[in-house]
Amino acid sequence: MGRVSYLASTSTAILLAISIAVPATAQDPAIELQGSVISEARKWREDVRRVPGSLDVFTGKELEESLARDIRDSVSLSANAHIKETNAESLIVIRGIGSYDTAIYGPVGVFINGVALPVNFMHNFNLSHIERLEVLKGPQGTIYGRNTEAGAIVVTTRRPGDEPSVQVNVEGSYFDTNHGNQPGYTLGGRVSTPLVKDKLAMSFAGQFKSSDGFINNVTLNDEQAADIDEIDTQTGIVFTPSRAFKVSLSHTFQRSENG
């Protein structure tokens, strides 16, 4: 193998979101139809058929069945949308509109539980325990603000439920290289439980992904270059003091050290 150079990258993201909701009235567009596909593109829950725009909605189950592990995999499921990878950034392109390779910001916004991830290198993060992912196409500045001229990616994580639940997932893989098999694995899980019946619920989810490098860097005499070391956690709290009032608090932490 010839000479190989690589870029080591380290990034950390901490997101905090708070939302307050009141129930829908008889004339409120947030009324849900039984069995309908739900969207929050306009900042409230509604039937996707009522949204006056072009969008694709993927549920968490659909993403799991399609083996979508990150934003890049998910965006590729939508027509006229893809992610262009560079050495240090992930540039989202919708309808042919993107940014140049060294740009800090792009024309596609990315949001997790309503919190923006404005910088390009933050955009291709791991997906785990997702309730819904929406790809909004076309200008979204009226609702989502700057840097959404081409569209927006809106991610909603799973909220705590009224019933206790536990989920564990384990995945294994390996890279077949000319200097041996390099193993990799992903460990994750989620716990959700009510703390006060019908009033207060909490959930915690985490995922750890690791893999030995698969590139032989002869310059640095390193047979495990391009290793993967990523961790992300999600914490959610839902407080419902009455039927007319609900408070949701979510915290997301993601860290990657790849190189």
C-alpha atoms as a PDB file:
ATOM      1  CA  MET A   1       0.000   0.000   0.000  1.00  0.00           C
ATOM      2  CA  GLY A   2       1.305   3.443  -0.889  1.00  0.00           C
ATOM      3  CA  ARG A   3       1.658   6.412   1.327  1.00  0.00           C
ATOM      4  CA  VAL A   4      -1.511   7.441   3.080  1.00  0.00           C
ATOM      5  CA  SER A   5      -2.180  10.659   4.941  1.00  0.00           C
ATOM      6  CA  TYR A   6      -5.196  11.205   7.133  1.00  0.00           C
ATOM      7  CA  LEU A   7      -6.787  13.867   9.276  1.00  0.00           C
ATOM      8  CA  ALA A   8      -7.560  13.175  12.920  1.00  0.00           C
ATOM      9  CA  SER A   9     -10.666  14.936  14.118  1.00  0.00           C
ATOM     10  CA  THR A  10     -12.227  15.528  17.494  1.00  0.00           C
ATOM     11  CA  SER A  11     -15.624  17.062  18.038  1.00  0.00           C
ATOM     12  CA  THR A  12     -18.037  17.396  20.905  1.00  0.00           C
ATOM     13  CA  ALA A  13     -21.629  18.578  20.859  1.00  0.00           C
ATOM     14  CA  ILE A  14     -23.975  19.181  23.782  1.00  0.00           C
ATOM     15  CA  LEU A  15     -27.565  20.114  23.030  1.00  0.00           C
ATOM     16  CA  LEU A  16     -30.287  21.157  25.449  1.00  0.00           C
ATOM     17  CA  ALA A  17     -33.897  21.582  24.409  1.00  0.00           C
ATOM     18  CA  ILE A  18     -36.974  22.645  26.371  1.00  0.00           C
ATOM     19  CA  SER A  19     -40.473  22.599  24.957  1.00  0.00           C
ATOM     20  CA  ILE A  20     -43.861  23.472  26.447  1.00  0.00           C
ATOM     21  CA  ALA A  21     -47.064  22.202  24.899  1.00  0.00           C
ATOM     22  CA  VAL A  22     -50.787  22.601  25.441  1.00  0.00           C
ATOM     23  CA  PRO A  23     -53.456  20.292  24.040  1.00  0.00           C
ATOM     24  CA  ALA A  24     -55.046  20.907  20.645  1.00  0.00           C
ATOM     25  CA  THR A  25     -58.481  22.442  20.373  1.00  0.00           C
ATOM     26  CA  ALA A  26     -61.185  21.232  18.008  1.00  0.00           C
ATOM     27  CA  GLN A  27     -60.020  23.677  15.301  1.00  0.00           C
ATOM     28  CA  ASP A  28     -56.291  23.306  15.974  1.00  0.00           C
ATOM     29  CA  PRO A  29     -54.240  21.927  13.017  1.00  0.00           C
ATOM     30  CA  ALA A  30     -52.247  19.848  15.503  1.00  0.00           C
ATOM     31  CA  ILE A  31     -55.125  17.337  15.790  1.00  0.00           C
ATOM     32  CA  GLU A  32     -53.761  13.888  14.911  1.00  0.00           C
ATOM     33  CA  LEU A  33     -55.588  11.378  12.725  1.00  0.00           C
ATOM     34  CA  GLN A  34     -55.443   7.725  13.695  1.00  0.00           C
ATOM     35  CA  GLY A  35     -52.705   5.990  11.710  1.00  0.00           C
ATOM     36  CA  SER A  36     -51.523   9.153   9.960  1.00  0.00           C
ATOM     37  CA  VAL A  37     -47.889  10.114   9.365  1.00  0.00           C
ATOM     38  CA  ILE A  38     -46.991  12.872  11.822  1.00  0.00           C
ATOM     39  CA  SER A  39     -44.818  15.874  11.009  1.00  0.00           C
ATOM     40  CA  GLU A  40     -43.472  18.725  13.139  1.00  0.00           C
ATOM     41  CA  ALA A  41     -42.136  20.742  10.200  1.00  0.00           C
ATOM     42  CA  ARG A  42     -44.222  23.757  11.258  1.00  0.00           C
ATOM     43  CA  LYS A  43     -43.350  23.444  14.968  1.00  0.00           C
ATOM     44  CA  TRP A  44     -46.489  21.523  15.907  1.00  0.00           C
ATOM     45  CA  ARG A  45     -47.654  17.950  15.430  1.00  0.00           C
ATOM     46  CA  GLU A  46     -49.919  17.474  12.430  1.00  0.00           C
ATOM     47  CA  ASP A  47     -50.785  15.126   9.608  1.00  0.00           C
ATOM     48  CA  VAL A  48     -48.018  15.348   7.008  1.00  0.00           C
ATOM     49  CA  ARG A  49     -50.690  15.818   4.316  1.00  0.00           C
ATOM     50  CA  ARG A  50     -51.494  19.237   5.804  1.00  0.00           C
ATOM     51  CA  VAL A  51     -47.960  20.576   5.397  1.00  0.00           C
ATOM     52  CA  PRO A  52     -47.837  22.973   2.395  1.00  0.00           C
ATOM     53  CA  GLY A  53     -44.391  21.988   1.191  1.00  0.00           C
ATOM     54  CA  SER A  54     -42.142  19.220  -0.100  1.00  0.00           C
ATOM     55  CA  LEU A  55     -40.799  16.912   2.589  1.00  0.00           C
ATOM     56  CA  ASP A  56     -39.991  13.297   3.426  1.00  0.00           C
ATOM     57  CA  VAL A  57     -40.761  11.836   6.849  1.00  0.00           C
ATOM     58  CA  PHE A  58     -38.989   8.722   8.173  1.00  0.00           C
ATOM     59  CA  THR A  59     -39.977   7.053  11.431  1.00  0.00           C
ATOM     60  CA  GLY A  60     -37.409   5.528  13.756  1.00  0.00           C
ATOM     61  CA  LYS A  61     -38.568   2.049  12.749  1.00  0.00           C
ATOM     62  CA  GLU A  62     -38.126   2.825   9.057  1.00  0.00           C
ATOM     63  CA  LEU A  63     -34.597   4.102   9.689  1.00  0.00           C
ATOM     64  CA  GLU A  64     -33.706   0.933  11.602  1.00  0.00           C
ATOM     65  CA  GLU A  65     -35.127  -1.310   8.881  1.00  0.00           C
ATOM     66  CA  SER A  66     -33.162   0.578   6.221  1.00  0.00           C
ATOM     67  CA  LEU A  67     -29.951   0.236   8.323  1.00  0.00           C
ATOM     68  CA  ALA A  68     -29.530   4.011   8.482  1.00  0.00           C
ATOM     69  CA  ARG A  69     -26.867   4.607  11.130  1.00  0.00           C
ATOM     70  CA  ASP A  70     -26.259   8.336  10.709  1.00  0.00           C
ATOM     71  CA  ILE A  71     -27.518  11.450   8.960  1.00  0.00           C
ATOM     72  CA  ARG A  72     -25.716  10.542   5.732  1.00  0.00           C
ATOM     73  CA  ASP A  73     -27.529   7.203   5.486  1.00  0.00           C
ATOM     74  CA  SER A  74     -30.877   8.840   6.278  1.00  0.00           C
ATOM     75  CA  VAL A  75     -30.564  11.741   3.847  1.00  0.00           C
ATOM     76  CA  SER A  76     -29.710   9.311   1.043  1.00  0.00           C
ATOM     77  CA  LEU A  77     -33.189   7.792   1.440  1.00  0.00           C
ATOM     78  CA  SER A  78     -34.716  11.069   0.238  1.00  0.00           C
ATOM     79  CA  ALA A  79     -34.824  12.034  -3.446  1.00  0.00           C
ATOM     80  CA  ASN A  80     -32.631  14.944  -4.559  1.00  0.00           C
ATOM     81  CA  ALA A  81     -30.679  14.986  -1.302  1.00  0.00           C
ATOM     82  CA  HIS A  82     -27.261  13.670  -0.316  1.00  0.00           C
ATOM     83  CA  ILE A  83     -24.220  14.428   1.833  1.00  0.00           C
ATOM     84  CA  LYS A  84     -20.869  15.262   0.298  1.00  0.00           C
ATOM     85  CA  GLU A  85     -18.013  14.164   2.555  1.00  0.00           C
ATOM     86  CA  THR A  86     -14.766  16.119   2.821  1.00  0.00           C
ATOM     87  CA  ASN A  87     -11.755  15.623   5.085  1.00  0.00           C
ATOM     88  CA  ALA A  88     -13.318  17.479   7.992  1.00  0.00           C
ATOM     89  CA  GLU A  89     -16.918  18.298   7.067  1.00  0.00           C
ATOM     90  CA  SER A  90     -20.217  16.841   5.918  1.00  0.00           C
ATOM     91  CA  LEU A  91     -21.885  19.079   3.334  1.00  0.00           C
ATOM     92  CA  ILE A  92     -25.601  18.441   2.826  1.00  0.00           C
ATOM     93  CA  VAL A  93     -26.923  19.085  -0.676  1.00  0.00           C
ATOM     94  CA  ILE A  94     -30.656  19.382  -1.420  1.00  0.00           C
ATOM     95  CA  ARG A  95     -31.964  19.910  -4.958  1.00  0.00           C
ATOM     96  CA  GLY A  96     -28.420  20.576  -6.135  1.00  0.00           C
ATOM     97  CA  ILE A  97     -27.868  23.444  -3.685  1.00  0.00           C
ATOM     98  CA  GLY A  98     -24.939  23.101  -1.284  1.00  0.00           C
ATOM     99  CA  SER A  99     -21.798  24.921  -0.201  1.00  0.00           C
ATOM    100  CA  TYR A 100     -18.123  24.758  -1.136  1.00  0.00           C
ATOM    101  CA  ASP A 101     -15.819  22.334   0.652  1.00  0.00           C
ATOM    102  CA  THR A 102     -14.206  24.784   3.072  1.00  0.00           C
ATOM    103  CA  ALA A 103     -17.405  26.586   4.079  1.00  0.00           C
ATOM    104  CA  ILE A 104     -18.218  26.775   7.787  1.00  0.00           C
ATOM    105  CA  TYR A 105     -21.959  27.120   7.213  1.00  0.00           C
ATOM    106  CA  GLY A 106     -24.193  25.658   4.524  1.00  0.00           C
ATOM    107  CA  PRO A 107     -27.648  26.312   3.049  1.00  0.00           C
ATOM    108  CA  VAL A 108     -29.182  23.279   4.805  1.00  0.00           C
ATOM    109  CA  GLY A 109     -30.016  23.532   8.504  1.00  0.00           C
ATOM    110  CA  VAL A 110     -29.888  20.581  10.895  1.00  0.00           C
ATOM    111  CA  PHE A 111     -31.961  20.528  14.086  1.00  0.00           C
ATOM    112  CA  ILE A 112     -32.265  18.055  16.971  1.00  0.00           C
ATOM    113  CA  ASN A 113     -35.359  18.548  19.124  1.00  0.00           C
ATOM    114  CA  GLY A 114     -35.521  22.127  17.880  1.00  0.00           C
ATOM    115  CA  VAL A 115     -31.867  22.945  18.616  1.00  0.00           C
ATOM    116  CA  ALA A 116     -29.741  23.995  15.623  1.00  0.00           C
ATOM    117  CA  LEU A 117     -26.395  22.435  14.694  1.00  0.00           C
ATOM    118  CA  PRO A 118     -25.105  25.347  12.616  1.00  0.00           C
ATOM    119  CA  VAL A 119     -21.607  24.228  11.636  1.00  0.00           C
ATOM    120  CA  ASN A 120     -21.034  21.787   8.766  1.00  0.00           C
ATOM    121  CA  PHE A 121     -18.750  19.391  10.646  1.00  0.00           C
ATOM    122  CA  MET A 122     -21.569  18.733  13.144  1.00  0.00           C
ATOM    123  CA  HIS A 123     -24.069  17.524  10.557  1.00  0.00           C
ATOM    124  CA  ASN A 124     -23.244  13.837  10.073  1.00  0.00           C
ATOM    125  CA  PHE A 125     -23.889  12.473  13.566  1.00  0.00           C
ATOM    126  CA  ASN A 126     -24.970   9.008  14.685  1.00  0.00           C
ATOM    127  CA  LEU A 127     -28.667   8.222  14.937  1.00  0.00           C
ATOM    128  CA  SER A 128     -29.959   6.160  17.832  1.00  0.00           C
ATOM    129  CA  HIS A 129     -33.378   5.966  19.482  1.00  0.00           C
ATOM    130  CA  ILE A 130     -34.959   8.318  16.962  1.00  0.00           C
ATOM    131  CA  GLU A 131     -38.702   8.943  16.834  1.00  0.00           C
ATOM    132  CA  ARG A 132     -38.742  10.732  13.506  1.00  0.00           C
ATOM    133  CA  LEU A 133     -36.482  12.359  10.891  1.00  0.00           C
ATOM    134  CA  GLU A 134     -37.814  14.881   8.387  1.00  0.00           C
ATOM    135  CA  VAL A 135     -36.132  16.174   5.246  1.00  0.00           C
ATOM    136  CA  LEU A 136     -37.667  19.553   4.355  1.00  0.00           C
ATOM    137  CA  LYS A 137     -36.957  20.753   0.821  1.00  0.00           C
ATOM    138  CA  GLY A 138     -36.952  24.344  -0.305  1.00  0.00           C
ATOM    139  CA  PRO A 139     -36.364  27.593   1.638  1.00  0.00           C
ATOM    140  CA  GLN A 140     -37.226  27.256   5.342  1.00  0.00           C
ATOM    141  CA  GLY A 141     -36.061  30.633   6.654  1.00  0.00           C
ATOM    142  CA  THR A 142     -39.494  31.810   7.789  1.00  0.00           C
ATOM    143  CA  ILE A 143     -39.648  29.102  10.475  1.00  0.00           C
ATOM    144  CA  TYR A 144     -36.044  27.969  10.968  1.00  0.00           C
ATOM    145  CA  GLY A 145     -34.029  31.125  10.301  1.00  0.00           C
ATOM    146  CA  ARG A 146     -30.724  31.595   8.537  1.00  0.00           C
ATOM    147  CA  ASN A 147     -28.752  28.955   6.614  1.00  0.00           C
ATOM    148  CA  THR A 148     -31.846  27.069   5.464  1.00  0.00           C
ATOM    149  CA  GLU A 149     -32.119  28.361   1.891  1.00  0.00           C
ATOM    150  CA  ALA A 150     -32.050  24.834   0.438  1.00  0.00           C
ATOM    151  CA  GLY A 151     -33.916  23.052   3.205  1.00  0.00           C
ATOM    152  CA  ALA A 152     -33.630  21.567   6.678  1.00  0.00           C
ATOM    153  CA  ILE A 153     -33.121  18.225   8.415  1.00  0.00           C
ATOM    154  CA  VAL A 154     -35.311  17.966  11.520  1.00  0.00           C
ATOM    155  CA  VAL A 155     -34.599  15.141  13.985  1.00  0.00           C
ATOM    156  CA  THR A 156     -36.849  14.243  16.917  1.00  0.00           C
ATOM    157  CA  THR A 157     -35.609  11.782  19.521  1.00  0.00           C
ATOM    158  CA  ARG A 158     -37.843   9.366  21.399  1.00  0.00           C
ATOM    159  CA  ARG A 159     -39.524  10.827  24.457  1.00  0.00           C
ATOM    160  CA  PRO A 160     -40.048   9.029  27.783  1.00  0.00           C
ATOM    161  CA  GLY A 161     -43.134   6.821  27.876  1.00  0.00           C
ATOM    162  CA  ASP A 162     -45.758   6.036  30.471  1.00  0.00           C
ATOM    163  CA  GLU A 163     -44.693   2.390  30.620  1.00  0.00           C
ATOM    164  CA  PRO A 164     -41.272   1.049  31.737  1.00  0.00           C
ATOM    165  CA  SER A 165     -39.142  -0.205  28.857  1.00  0.00           C
ATOM    166  CA  VAL A 166     -35.588  -1.434  28.279  1.00  0.00           C
ATOM    167  CA  GLN A 167     -33.799  -1.784  24.951  1.00  0.00           C
ATOM    168  CA  VAL A 168     -30.309  -3.152  24.273  1.00  0.00           C
ATOM    169  CA  ASN A 169     -28.520  -3.386  20.933  1.00  0.00           C
ATOM    170  CA  VAL A 170     -25.169  -4.934  20.024  1.00  0.00           C
ATOM    171  CA  GLU A 171     -23.537  -4.912  16.600  1.00  0.00           C
ATOM    172  CA  GLY A 172     -20.256  -6.313  15.365  1.00  0.00           C
ATOM    173  CA  SER A 173     -18.242  -5.781  12.194  1.00  0.00           C
ATOM    174  CA  TYR A 174     -14.745  -5.999  10.787  1.00  0.00           C
ATOM    175  CA  PHE A 175     -12.625  -4.495   8.022  1.00  0.00           C
ATOM    176  CA  ASP A 176     -10.876  -7.014   5.753  1.00  0.00           C
ATOM    177  CA  THR A 177      -7.517  -5.360   5.084  1.00  0.00           C
ATOM    178  CA  ASN A 178      -4.235  -6.546   3.607  1.00  0.00           C
ATOM    179  CA  HIS A 179      -2.754  -6.486   7.105  1.00  0.00           C
ATOM    180  CA  GLY A 180      -5.472  -8.525   8.811  1.00  0.00           C
ATOM    181  CA  ASN A 181      -9.070  -8.198   9.978  1.00  0.00           C
ATOM    182  CA  GLN A 182      -9.747  -5.080  12.038  1.00  0.00           C
ATOM    183  CA  PRO A 183     -12.783  -5.528  14.331  1.00  0.00           C
ATOM    184  CA  GLY A 184     -15.433  -2.983  15.225  1.00  0.00           C
ATOM    185  CA  TYR A 185     -18.467  -2.969  17.476  1.00  0.00           C
ATOM    186  CA  THR A 186     -21.393  -0.849  18.579  1.00  0.00           C
ATOM    187  CA  LEU A 187     -23.014  -1.100  22.015  1.00  0.00           C
ATOM    188  CA  GLY A 188     -26.158   0.780  22.917  1.00  0.00           C
ATOM    189  CA  GLY A 189     -29.253   0.787  25.050  1.00  0.00           C
ATOM    190  CA  ARG A 190     -32.194   2.789  26.320  1.00  0.00           C
ATOM    191  CA  VAL A 191     -34.153   2.815  29.588  1.00  0.00           C
ATOM    192  CA  SER A 192     -37.463   4.631  30.018  1.00  0.00           C
ATOM    193  CA  THR A 193     -39.569   4.676  33.157  1.00  0.00           C
ATOM    194  CA  PRO A 194     -42.313   6.761  34.785  1.00  0.00           C
ATOM    195  CA  LEU A 195     -41.228   8.404  38.045  1.00  0.00           C
ATOM    196  CA  VAL A 196     -44.689   9.641  39.028  1.00  0.00           C
ATOM    197  CA  LYS A 197     -47.605   7.922  37.310  1.00  0.00           C
ATOM    198  CA  ASP A 198     -49.115  10.089  34.564  1.00  0.00           C
ATOM    199  CA  LYS A 199     -47.074  13.075  35.791  1.00  0.00           C
ATOM    200  CA  LEU A 200     -43.344  12.588  35.408  1.00  0.00           C
ATOM    201  CA  ALA A 201     -41.297  10.252  33.207  1.00  0.00           C
ATOM    202  CA  MET A 202     -37.608   9.982  32.404  1.00  0.00           C
ATOM    203  CA  SER A 203     -35.444   8.161  29.860  1.00  0.00           C
ATOM    204  CA  PHE A 204     -31.732   7.653  29.258  1.00  0.00           C
ATOM    205  CA  ALA A 205     -30.088   6.252  26.139  1.00  0.00           C
ATOM    206  CA  GLY A 206     -26.483   5.776  25.165  1.00  0.00           C
ATOM    207  CA  GLN A 207     -24.372   4.332  22.383  1.00  0.00           C
ATOM    208  CA  PHE A 208     -20.671   3.595  22.036  1.00  0.00           C
ATOM    209  CA  LYS A 209     -19.042   2.831  18.680  1.00  0.00           C
ATOM    210  CA  SER A 210     -15.441   1.739  18.297  1.00  0.00           C
ATOM    211  CA  SER A 211     -13.290   0.250  15.571  1.00  0.00           C
ATOM    212  CA  ASP A 212      -9.592  -0.278  14.991  1.00  0.00           C
ATOM    213  CA  GLY A 213      -8.233   1.566  12.004  1.00  0.00           C
ATOM    214  CA  PHE A 214      -8.218  -0.093   8.588  1.00  0.00           C
ATOM    215  CA  ILE A 215      -5.593   2.082   6.817  1.00  0.00           C
ATOM    216  CA  ASN A 216      -1.886   1.312   6.821  1.00  0.00           C
ATOM    217  CA  ASN A 217      -0.155   4.664   7.224  1.00  0.00           C
ATOM    218  CA  VAL A 218       3.424   3.916   6.188  1.00  0.00           C
ATOM    219  CA  THR A 219       4.527   7.481   6.912  1.00  0.00           C
ATOM    220  CA  LEU A 220       3.720   7.157  10.619  1.00  0.00           C
ATOM    221  CA  ASN A 221       4.198   3.362  10.683  1.00  0.00           C
ATOM    222  CA  ASP A 222       0.627   2.943  11.897  1.00  0.00           C
ATOM    223  CA  GLU A 223      -1.433  -0.047  10.716  1.00  0.00           C
ATOM    224  CA  GLN A 224      -4.569   1.196  12.510  1.00  0.00           C
ATOM    225  CA  ALA A 225      -5.054   4.657  11.049  1.00  0.00           C
ATOM    226  CA  ALA A 226      -8.640   5.900  10.578  1.00  0.00           C
ATOM    227  CA  ASP A 227      -9.836   4.370  13.822  1.00  0.00           C
ATOM    228  CA  ILE A 228     -13.329   5.171  15.147  1.00  0.00           C
ATOM    229  CA  ASP A 229     -14.179   6.156  18.718  1.00  0.00           C
ATOM    230  CA  GLU A 230     -17.631   7.697  19.193  1.00  0.00           C
ATOM    231  CA  ILE A 231     -20.051   8.052  22.088  1.00  0.00           C
ATOM    232  CA  ASP A 232     -23.456   9.693  22.368  1.00  0.00           C
ATOM    233  CA  THR A 233     -26.059   9.935  25.115  1.00  0.00           C
ATOM    234  CA  GLN A 234     -29.634  11.185  25.316  1.00  0.00           C
ATOM    235  CA  THR A 235     -31.574  12.126  28.436  1.00  0.00           C
ATOM    236  CA  GLY A 236     -35.238  13.063  28.405  1.00  0.00           C
ATOM    237  CA  ILE A 237     -37.724  14.234  31.038  1.00  0.00           C
ATOM    238  CA  VAL A 238     -41.435  14.839  30.474  1.00  0.00           C
ATOM    239  CA  PHE A 239     -43.476  16.621  33.157  1.00  0.00           C
ATOM    240  CA  THR A 240     -47.272  16.699  32.775  1.00  0.00           C
ATOM    241  CA  PRO A 241     -48.816  18.468  35.771  1.00  0.00           C
ATOM    242  CA  SER A 242     -52.220  18.656  34.055  1.00  0.00           C
ATOM    243  CA  ARG A 243     -53.914  17.782  30.782  1.00  0.00           C
ATOM    244  CA  ALA A 244     -53.520  21.416  29.711  1.00  0.00           C
ATOM    245  CA  PHE A 245     -49.780  21.693  30.313  1.00  0.00           C
ATOM    246  CA  LYS A 246     -46.713  19.623  29.407  1.00  0.00           C
ATOM    247  CA  VAL A 247     -42.993  20.361  29.721  1.00  0.00           C
ATOM    248  CA  SER A 248     -40.359  18.330  27.837  1.00  0.00           C
ATOM    249  CA  LEU A 249     -36.644  18.562  28.610  1.00  0.00           C
ATOM    250  CA  SER A 250     -34.045  16.794  26.466  1.00  0.00           C
ATOM    251  CA  HIS A 251     -30.256  16.678  26.638  1.00  0.00           C
ATOM    252  CA  THR A 252     -28.036  15.244  23.896  1.00  0.00           C
ATOM    253  CA  PHE A 253     -24.290  14.703  24.150  1.00  0.00           C
ATOM    254  CA  GLN A 254     -22.114  13.482  21.283  1.00  0.00           C
ATOM    255  CA  ARG A 255     -18.369  13.072  21.091  1.00  0.00           C
ATOM    256  CA  SER A 256     -16.199  11.652  18.316  1.00  0.00           C
ATOM    257  CA  GLU A 257     -12.451  11.085  18.119  1.00  0.00           C
ATOM    258  CA  ASN A 258     -11.735   9.642  14.695  1.00  0.00           C
ATOM    259  CA  GLY A 259      -8.471   9.617  12.836  1.00  0.00           C
END
